[in-house]
Amino acid sequence: MKVLLRRNVVNLGRIGEVVEVKDGYARNYLIPQQLGVAPTEGNLKRVEAEKEEYLKELARVKSQLEAKAAVLEGKEITISARANADGHLYGSVGPAQIVAMLAAEGIFIEPANVILGDPIRTLDKYDVRVRFGEDVTATIHVWVVPIREEGDDEGEADETADDQE
């Protein structure tokens, strides 16, 4: 069955395209969900008008995301985490911690936008990509540093005092 798409459908097509799908898929999913209609002359004109509105909205949203990415580009954040003497973290730093640190600085994003291959498990500086859309990304610098225990500085001072006696 031929269907005119009213919205972009993943792995099928983009708005305004006429695609060939199985009858059941069209009748049970695309048409009831308002994702597709029969490709008549009237529907073609209506979908073209919808496509123009969609493209205008898409351009507006993309410009907002680009502005947000520009604010975020090159931003440096520091996350303190517990680590052993070798620099291996006792846990890991993931997207949730990065989003929380950005929120503390007044920048609000979703954890799904943070692209990490694997969770961060060692102390170091990491370049982390933040993806807002298909082609809108920013790179932030995440420093993972050890948490300073209150007793750490005092213990070192006591050892040096003992060595001097």
N, C-alpha and C. Protein backbone atom coordinates (compact mmCIF):
# COMPACT_ATOMS: atom_id res chain seq x y z
N MET A 1 0.85 -1.18 0.00
CA MET A 1 0.00 0.00 0.00
C MET A 1 0.90 1.24 0.00
N LYS A 2 0.57 2.23 -0.80
CA LYS A 2 1.31 3.48 -0.84
C LYS A 2 0.75 4.43 0.21
N VAL A 3 1.67 5.07 0.94
CA VAL A 3 1.29 5.99 2.01
C VAL A 3 2.11 7.26 1.88
N LEU A 4 1.46 8.41 2.03
CA LEU A 4 2.13 9.70 2.05
C LEU A 4 2.44 10.03 3.51
N LEU A 5 3.73 10.21 3.82
CA LEU A 5 4.14 10.44 5.21
C LEU A 5 3.88 11.88 5.63
N ARG A 6 3.24 12.02 6.80
CA ARG A 6 2.98 13.35 7.36
C ARG A 6 4.06 13.76 8.35
N ARG A 7 4.84 12.83 8.81
CA ARG A 7 5.93 13.07 9.76
C ARG A 7 7.12 12.21 9.34
N ASN A 8 8.30 12.53 9.86
CA ASN A 8 9.45 11.67 9.64
C ASN A 8 9.25 10.39 10.43
N VAL A 9 9.50 9.26 9.79
CA VAL A 9 9.38 7.96 10.45
C VAL A 9 10.73 7.27 10.32
N VAL A 10 11.31 6.90 11.45
CA VAL A 10 12.62 6.28 11.47
C VAL A 10 12.61 5.00 10.64
N ASN A 11 13.63 4.82 9.84
CA ASN A 11 13.82 3.64 8.98
C ASN A 11 12.73 3.48 7.91
N LEU A 12 11.97 4.55 7.65
CA LEU A 12 10.95 4.45 6.62
C LEU A 12 11.05 5.61 5.63
N GLY A 13 11.01 6.84 6.12
CA GLY A 13 11.08 7.98 5.21
C GLY A 13 10.87 9.29 5.94
N ARG A 14 10.92 10.36 5.15
CA ARG A 14 10.79 11.70 5.68
C ARG A 14 9.45 12.30 5.27
N ILE A 15 9.08 13.37 5.91
CA ILE A 15 7.81 14.03 5.66
C ILE A 15 7.67 14.39 4.18
N GLY A 16 6.49 14.12 3.62
CA GLY A 16 6.21 14.44 2.23
C GLY A 16 6.55 13.33 1.25
N GLU A 17 7.19 12.27 1.67
CA GLU A 17 7.54 11.17 0.76
C GLU A 17 6.39 10.18 0.67
N VAL A 18 6.24 9.59 -0.50
CA VAL A 18 5.28 8.51 -0.70
C VAL A 18 6.08 7.22 -0.63
N VAL A 19 5.70 6.34 0.32
CA VAL A 19 6.43 5.09 0.52
C VAL A 19 5.49 3.91 0.36
N GLU A 20 6.07 2.78 0.02
CA GLU A 20 5.32 1.52 -0.12
C GLU A 20 5.52 0.71 1.16
N VAL A 21 4.41 0.40 1.85
CA VAL A 21 4.46 -0.38 3.08
C VAL A 21 3.42 -1.49 3.02
N LYS A 22 3.51 -2.42 3.93
CA LYS A 22 2.50 -3.48 3.99
C LYS A 22 1.17 -2.89 4.46
N ASP A 23 0.10 -3.50 3.99
CA ASP A 23 -1.24 -2.98 4.29
C ASP A 23 -1.49 -2.88 5.79
N GLY A 24 -1.13 -3.90 6.54
CA GLY A 24 -1.38 -3.91 7.98
C GLY A 24 -0.61 -2.81 8.70
N TYR A 25 0.62 -2.56 8.30
CA TYR A 25 1.43 -1.50 8.91
C TYR A 25 0.78 -0.15 8.67
N ALA A 26 0.28 0.07 7.47
CA ALA A 26 -0.37 1.34 7.15
C ALA A 26 -1.68 1.48 7.92
N ARG A 27 -2.53 0.45 7.87
CA ARG A 27 -3.85 0.53 8.52
C ARG A 27 -3.79 0.54 10.04
N ASN A 28 -2.85 -0.21 10.62
CA ASN A 28 -2.82 -0.38 12.07
C ASN A 28 -1.86 0.57 12.80
N TYR A 29 -0.92 1.17 12.08
CA TYR A 29 0.03 2.04 12.76
C TYR A 29 0.12 3.43 12.14
N LEU A 30 0.52 3.52 10.89
CA LEU A 30 0.79 4.82 10.28
C LEU A 30 -0.44 5.73 10.23
N ILE A 31 -1.55 5.22 9.75
CA ILE A 31 -2.74 6.05 9.61
C ILE A 31 -3.37 6.38 10.97
N PRO A 32 -3.56 5.41 11.89
CA PRO A 32 -4.13 5.78 13.20
C PRO A 32 -3.24 6.75 14.02
N GLN A 33 -1.94 6.67 13.84
CA GLN A 33 -1.03 7.55 14.58
C GLN A 33 -0.85 8.89 13.89
N GLN A 34 -1.57 9.12 12.80
CA GLN A 34 -1.48 10.36 12.02
C GLN A 34 -0.09 10.58 11.42
N LEU A 35 0.62 9.49 11.17
CA LEU A 35 1.94 9.56 10.56
C LEU A 35 1.87 9.49 9.04
N GLY A 36 0.78 8.98 8.52
CA GLY A 36 0.64 8.84 7.08
C GLY A 36 -0.81 8.94 6.65
N VAL A 37 -1.01 9.28 5.37
CA VAL A 37 -2.34 9.36 4.78
C VAL A 37 -2.28 8.79 3.38
N ALA A 38 -3.45 8.59 2.78
CA ALA A 38 -3.50 8.12 1.40
C ALA A 38 -2.95 9.23 0.49
N PRO A 39 -2.18 8.87 -0.53
CA PRO A 39 -1.53 9.89 -1.38
C PRO A 39 -2.47 10.46 -2.45
N THR A 40 -3.51 11.19 -2.02
CA THR A 40 -4.41 11.85 -2.96
C THR A 40 -3.90 13.25 -3.27
N GLU A 41 -4.49 13.89 -4.27
CA GLU A 41 -4.05 15.24 -4.67
C GLU A 41 -4.22 16.25 -3.54
N GLY A 42 -5.36 16.18 -2.86
CA GLY A 42 -5.63 17.09 -1.74
C GLY A 42 -4.66 16.87 -0.59
N ASN A 43 -4.40 15.59 -0.28
CA ASN A 43 -3.46 15.27 0.80
C ASN A 43 -2.04 15.72 0.46
N LEU A 44 -1.66 15.61 -0.82
CA LEU A 44 -0.33 16.06 -1.22
C LEU A 44 -0.14 17.55 -0.95
N LYS A 45 -1.16 18.36 -1.28
CA LYS A 45 -1.08 19.80 -1.04
C LYS A 45 -1.03 20.10 0.46
N ARG A 46 -1.88 19.40 1.23
CA ARG A 46 -1.92 19.64 2.67
C ARG A 46 -0.59 19.26 3.33
N VAL A 47 -0.03 18.13 2.91
CA VAL A 47 1.24 17.69 3.50
C VAL A 47 2.38 18.62 3.11
N GLU A 48 2.35 19.17 1.90
CA GLU A 48 3.37 20.15 1.51
C GLU A 48 3.31 21.38 2.40
N ALA A 49 2.10 21.85 2.73
CA ALA A 49 1.95 22.99 3.64
C ALA A 49 2.46 22.63 5.03
N GLU A 50 2.15 21.41 5.49
CA GLU A 50 2.63 20.95 6.79
C GLU A 50 4.16 20.85 6.79
N LYS A 51 4.72 20.44 5.67
CA LYS A 51 6.17 20.30 5.56
C LYS A 51 6.85 21.66 5.69
N GLU A 52 6.26 22.69 5.06
CA GLU A 52 6.82 24.05 5.17
C GLU A 52 6.83 24.51 6.63
N GLU A 53 5.72 24.29 7.33
CA GLU A 53 5.64 24.66 8.75
C GLU A 53 6.65 23.86 9.57
N TYR A 54 6.76 22.59 9.26
CA TYR A 54 7.70 21.72 9.96
C TYR A 54 9.13 22.20 9.76
N LEU A 55 9.49 22.57 8.54
CA LEU A 55 10.85 23.04 8.25
C LEU A 55 11.14 24.36 8.96
N LYS A 56 10.15 25.25 9.04
CA LYS A 56 10.33 26.51 9.77
C LYS A 56 10.57 26.23 11.26
N GLU A 57 9.76 25.34 11.82
CA GLU A 57 9.91 24.99 13.23
C GLU A 57 11.24 24.31 13.48
N LEU A 58 11.65 23.45 12.57
CA LEU A 58 12.93 22.76 12.69
C LEU A 58 14.09 23.75 12.67
N ALA A 59 14.01 24.76 11.81
CA ALA A 59 15.06 25.78 11.74
C ALA A 59 15.12 26.59 13.04
N ARG A 60 13.96 26.89 13.61
CA ARG A 60 13.91 27.65 14.86
C ARG A 60 14.51 26.84 16.01
N VAL A 61 14.13 25.59 16.10
CA VAL A 61 14.65 24.72 17.15
C VAL A 61 16.15 24.51 16.98
N LYS A 62 16.60 24.35 15.75
CA LYS A 62 18.03 24.14 15.49
C LYS A 62 18.84 25.37 15.91
N SER A 63 18.32 26.56 15.65
CA SER A 63 19.05 27.76 16.05
C SER A 63 19.13 27.87 17.57
N GLN A 64 18.07 27.46 18.28
CA GLN A 64 18.12 27.45 19.74
C GLN A 64 19.16 26.45 20.24
N LEU A 65 19.20 25.27 19.63
CA LEU A 65 20.16 24.25 20.05
C LEU A 65 21.59 24.69 19.74
N GLU A 66 21.79 25.36 18.61
CA GLU A 66 23.12 25.86 18.28
C GLU A 66 23.58 26.92 19.27
N ALA A 67 22.65 27.76 19.73
CA ALA A 67 22.99 28.76 20.74
C ALA A 67 23.37 28.09 22.05
N LYS A 68 22.64 27.05 22.43
CA LYS A 68 22.95 26.31 23.65
C LYS A 68 24.31 25.61 23.52
N ALA A 69 24.58 25.06 22.35
CA ALA A 69 25.86 24.39 22.11
C ALA A 69 27.01 25.39 22.16
N ALA A 70 26.79 26.60 21.66
CA ALA A 70 27.83 27.62 21.68
C ALA A 70 28.18 28.02 23.12
N VAL A 71 27.18 28.07 23.98
CA VAL A 71 27.42 28.39 25.39
C VAL A 71 28.22 27.26 26.04
N LEU A 72 27.93 26.05 25.67
CA LEU A 72 28.55 24.87 26.29
C LEU A 72 29.93 24.55 25.73
N GLU A 73 30.22 24.95 24.50
CA GLU A 73 31.48 24.61 23.83
C GLU A 73 32.68 25.08 24.64
N GLY A 74 33.59 24.14 24.94
CA GLY A 74 34.82 24.46 25.65
C GLY A 74 34.67 24.64 27.15
N LYS A 75 33.48 24.48 27.66
CA LYS A 75 33.23 24.64 29.10
C LYS A 75 34.01 23.59 29.87
N GLU A 76 34.58 24.00 31.00
CA GLU A 76 35.32 23.08 31.85
C GLU A 76 34.57 22.90 33.16
N ILE A 77 34.41 21.64 33.55
CA ILE A 77 33.80 21.35 34.85
C ILE A 77 34.72 20.41 35.61
N THR A 78 34.62 20.46 36.93
CA THR A 78 35.44 19.62 37.78
C THR A 78 34.52 18.76 38.63
N ILE A 79 34.78 17.47 38.61
CA ILE A 79 34.00 16.52 39.40
C ILE A 79 34.95 15.86 40.38
N SER A 80 34.61 15.92 41.66
CA SER A 80 35.41 15.27 42.69
C SER A 80 34.86 13.88 42.95
N ALA A 81 35.77 12.91 43.02
CA ALA A 81 35.34 11.54 43.24
C ALA A 81 36.37 10.83 44.12
N ARG A 82 35.92 9.83 44.83
CA ARG A 82 36.83 9.05 45.67
C ARG A 82 37.65 8.13 44.79
N ALA A 83 38.96 8.10 45.06
CA ALA A 83 39.87 7.29 44.24
C ALA A 83 40.95 6.70 45.12
N ASN A 84 41.56 5.60 44.63
CA ASN A 84 42.68 5.01 45.36
C ASN A 84 43.96 5.75 44.98
N ALA A 85 45.10 5.29 45.52
CA ALA A 85 46.38 5.96 45.29
C ALA A 85 46.81 5.90 43.81
N ASP A 86 46.35 4.88 43.08
CA ASP A 86 46.71 4.75 41.66
C ASP A 86 45.85 5.62 40.75
N GLY A 87 44.84 6.27 41.31
CA GLY A 87 43.99 7.13 40.50
C GLY A 87 42.75 6.44 39.95
N HIS A 88 42.47 5.23 40.39
CA HIS A 88 41.27 4.52 39.94
C HIS A 88 40.12 4.88 40.87
N LEU A 89 39.00 5.23 40.30
CA LEU A 89 37.84 5.63 41.09
C LEU A 89 37.21 4.41 41.75
N TYR A 90 36.62 4.64 42.93
CA TYR A 90 35.90 3.57 43.62
C TYR A 90 34.55 3.32 42.97
N GLY A 91 34.08 4.22 42.20
CA GLY A 91 32.85 4.07 41.43
C GLY A 91 33.13 4.50 40.01
N SER A 92 32.24 5.24 39.45
CA SER A 92 32.49 5.78 38.11
C SER A 92 31.73 7.10 37.98
N VAL A 93 32.13 7.88 37.01
CA VAL A 93 31.45 9.13 36.70
C VAL A 93 30.72 8.91 35.39
N GLY A 94 29.43 9.16 35.41
CA GLY A 94 28.62 8.96 34.22
C GLY A 94 27.91 10.24 33.82
N PRO A 95 27.02 10.14 32.85
CA PRO A 95 26.30 11.31 32.37
C PRO A 95 25.51 12.04 33.46
N ALA A 96 24.97 11.32 34.42
CA ALA A 96 24.16 11.96 35.47
C ALA A 96 25.00 12.94 36.29
N GLN A 97 26.23 12.56 36.64
CA GLN A 97 27.09 13.45 37.42
C GLN A 97 27.51 14.66 36.60
N ILE A 98 27.77 14.46 35.32
CA ILE A 98 28.15 15.58 34.44
C ILE A 98 26.99 16.55 34.32
N VAL A 99 25.78 16.04 34.13
CA VAL A 99 24.59 16.89 34.02
C VAL A 99 24.35 17.65 35.33
N ALA A 100 24.58 16.98 36.46
CA ALA A 100 24.39 17.64 37.76
C ALA A 100 25.37 18.80 37.95
N MET A 101 26.62 18.62 37.54
CA MET A 101 27.61 19.69 37.66
C MET A 101 27.27 20.86 36.73
N LEU A 102 26.79 20.56 35.54
CA LEU A 102 26.38 21.63 34.62
C LEU A 102 25.16 22.36 35.17
N ALA A 103 24.23 21.63 35.78
CA ALA A 103 23.05 22.25 36.36
C ALA A 103 23.43 23.18 37.51
N ALA A 104 24.45 22.80 38.27
CA ALA A 104 24.92 23.66 39.36
C ALA A 104 25.46 24.98 38.82
N GLU A 105 25.91 24.98 37.58
CA GLU A 105 26.41 26.20 36.95
C GLU A 105 25.35 26.90 36.11
N GLY A 106 24.12 26.39 36.16
CA GLY A 106 23.02 27.05 35.46
C GLY A 106 22.81 26.61 34.02
N ILE A 107 23.43 25.50 33.62
CA ILE A 107 23.26 24.97 32.27
C ILE A 107 22.51 23.65 32.39
N PHE A 108 21.33 23.59 31.79
CA PHE A 108 20.48 22.43 31.96
C PHE A 108 20.39 21.64 30.66
N ILE A 109 20.82 20.37 30.72
CA ILE A 109 20.72 19.46 29.59
C ILE A 109 20.23 18.12 30.11
N GLU A 110 19.92 17.23 29.22
CA GLU A 110 19.45 15.89 29.58
C GLU A 110 20.63 14.93 29.60
N PRO A 111 20.62 13.93 30.49
CA PRO A 111 21.70 12.94 30.50
C PRO A 111 21.84 12.20 29.16
N ALA A 112 20.75 12.06 28.42
CA ALA A 112 20.81 11.37 27.13
C ALA A 112 21.64 12.15 26.11
N ASN A 113 21.82 13.45 26.33
CA ASN A 113 22.60 14.27 25.41
C ASN A 113 24.11 14.06 25.58
N VAL A 114 24.53 13.57 26.74
CA VAL A 114 25.96 13.38 27.03
C VAL A 114 26.41 12.07 26.40
N ILE A 115 27.42 12.15 25.54
CA ILE A 115 27.90 10.97 24.82
C ILE A 115 29.21 10.50 25.48
N LEU A 116 29.11 9.41 26.20
CA LEU A 116 30.27 8.77 26.82
C LEU A 116 30.36 7.35 26.28
N GLY A 117 31.50 6.96 25.78
CA GLY A 117 31.66 5.59 25.32
C GLY A 117 31.51 4.63 26.48
N ASP A 118 32.31 4.84 27.50
CA ASP A 118 32.27 4.05 28.74
C ASP A 118 32.27 5.02 29.90
N PRO A 119 31.76 4.60 31.05
CA PRO A 119 31.84 5.48 32.22
C PRO A 119 33.30 5.81 32.56
N ILE A 120 33.51 6.97 33.15
CA ILE A 120 34.85 7.41 33.53
C ILE A 120 35.22 6.72 34.83
N ARG A 121 36.37 6.04 34.83
CA ARG A 121 36.77 5.27 36.00
C ARG A 121 38.15 5.64 36.54
N THR A 122 38.81 6.65 35.97
CA THR A 122 40.12 7.07 36.47
C THR A 122 40.18 8.59 36.55
N LEU A 123 41.10 9.07 37.37
CA LEU A 123 41.31 10.51 37.49
C LEU A 123 42.03 11.00 36.25
N ASP A 124 41.52 12.06 35.63
CA ASP A 124 42.16 12.60 34.43
C ASP A 124 41.27 13.70 33.87
N LYS A 125 41.67 14.27 32.75
CA LYS A 125 40.86 15.23 32.02
C LYS A 125 40.26 14.51 30.81
N TYR A 126 38.97 14.68 30.61
CA TYR A 126 38.27 14.01 29.52
C TYR A 126 37.55 15.05 28.67
N ASP A 127 37.59 14.85 27.36
CA ASP A 127 36.78 15.64 26.44
C ASP A 127 35.51 14.86 26.18
N VAL A 128 34.38 15.45 26.56
CA VAL A 128 33.09 14.77 26.48
C VAL A 128 32.22 15.51 25.47
N ARG A 129 31.63 14.75 24.54
CA ARG A 129 30.73 15.35 23.55
C ARG A 129 29.33 15.42 24.11
N VAL A 130 28.67 16.53 23.80
CA VAL A 130 27.26 16.71 24.14
C VAL A 130 26.53 16.90 22.81
N ARG A 131 25.60 16.01 22.55
CA ARG A 131 24.90 16.01 21.27
C ARG A 131 23.47 16.50 21.48
N PHE A 132 23.11 17.58 20.78
CA PHE A 132 21.78 18.15 20.90
C PHE A 132 20.87 17.74 19.75
N GLY A 133 21.44 17.38 18.63
CA GLY A 133 20.64 17.01 17.47
C GLY A 133 21.52 16.26 16.50
N GLU A 134 20.99 16.05 15.31
CA GLU A 134 21.73 15.29 14.31
C GLU A 134 23.09 15.90 14.02
N ASP A 135 23.16 17.21 13.89
CA ASP A 135 24.43 17.84 13.54
C ASP A 135 24.78 19.01 14.47
N VAL A 136 24.24 19.02 15.69
CA VAL A 136 24.54 20.06 16.66
C VAL A 136 25.20 19.40 17.87
N THR A 137 26.53 19.61 17.99
CA THR A 137 27.27 19.03 19.10
C THR A 137 28.17 20.08 19.72
N ALA A 138 28.59 19.81 20.95
CA ALA A 138 29.55 20.66 21.65
C ALA A 138 30.48 19.74 22.41
N THR A 139 31.67 20.21 22.72
CA THR A 139 32.63 19.44 23.49
C THR A 139 32.93 20.17 24.79
N ILE A 140 32.80 19.46 25.90
CA ILE A 140 33.14 20.04 27.19
C ILE A 140 34.33 19.28 27.76
N HIS A 141 35.05 19.92 28.67
CA HIS A 141 36.22 19.32 29.30
C HIS A 141 35.84 18.98 30.74
N VAL A 142 35.98 17.72 31.09
CA VAL A 142 35.62 17.25 32.42
C VAL A 142 36.89 16.83 33.14
N TRP A 143 37.17 17.51 34.23
CA TRP A 143 38.29 17.15 35.09
C TRP A 143 37.75 16.28 36.21
N VAL A 144 38.32 15.10 36.37
CA VAL A 144 37.95 14.23 37.48
C VAL A 144 39.12 14.26 38.46
N VAL A 145 38.85 14.80 39.65
CA VAL A 145 39.90 14.99 40.66
C VAL A 145 39.52 14.23 41.91
N PRO A 146 40.54 13.88 42.74
CA PRO A 146 40.23 13.14 43.96
C PRO A 146 39.59 14.05 45.01
N ILE A 147 38.74 13.45 45.81
CA ILE A 147 38.15 14.18 46.94
C ILE A 147 39.22 14.29 48.01
N ARG A 148 39.41 15.47 48.52
CA ARG A 148 40.36 15.69 49.60
C ARG A 148 39.67 15.36 50.91
N GLU A 149 40.21 14.39 51.62
CA GLU A 149 39.68 14.04 52.93
C GLU A 149 40.18 15.06 53.94
N GLU A 150 39.40 15.34 54.98
CA GLU A 150 39.80 16.32 55.97
C GLU A 150 41.05 15.89 56.71
N GLY A 151 41.23 14.61 56.89
CA GLY A 151 42.37 14.11 57.63
C GLY A 151 43.64 14.00 56.80
N ASP A 152 43.56 14.13 55.48
CA ASP A 152 44.73 13.96 54.62
C ASP A 152 45.81 14.99 54.91
N ASP A 153 45.46 16.26 54.98
CA ASP A 153 46.45 17.31 55.19
C ASP A 153 47.05 17.23 56.58
N GLU A 154 46.23 16.90 57.59
CA GLU A 154 46.74 16.82 58.95
C GLU A 154 47.69 15.65 59.11
N GLY A 155 47.39 14.53 58.46
CA GLY A 155 48.25 13.35 58.55
C GLY A 155 49.62 13.64 57.97
N GLU A 156 49.69 14.36 56.87
CA GLU A 156 50.97 14.70 56.27
C GLU A 156 51.75 15.64 57.16
N ALA A 157 51.06 16.57 57.80
CA ALA A 157 51.74 17.52 58.68
C ALA A 157 52.31 16.79 59.90
N ASP A 158 51.58 15.80 60.44
CA ASP A 158 52.07 15.05 61.59
C ASP A 158 53.31 14.25 61.23
N GLU A 159 53.33 13.64 60.03
CA GLU A 159 54.48 12.84 59.61
C GLU A 159 55.72 13.72 59.47
N THR A 160 55.58 14.89 58.91
CA THR A 160 56.75 15.77 58.73
C THR A 160 57.25 16.28 60.07
N ALA A 161 56.36 16.48 61.04
CA ALA A 161 56.77 16.94 62.37
C ALA A 161 57.55 15.83 63.07
N ASP A 162 57.13 14.57 62.90
CA ASP A 162 57.82 13.46 63.51
C ASP A 162 59.22 13.28 62.89
N ASP A 163 59.35 13.52 61.59
CA ASP A 163 60.63 13.36 60.91
C ASP A 163 61.64 14.41 61.36
N GLN A 164 61.18 15.60 61.75
CA GLN A 164 62.08 16.66 62.13
C GLN A 164 62.65 16.47 63.51
N GLU A 165 61.99 15.71 64.36
CA GLU A 165 62.47 15.50 65.75
C GLU A 165 63.59 14.58 65.80
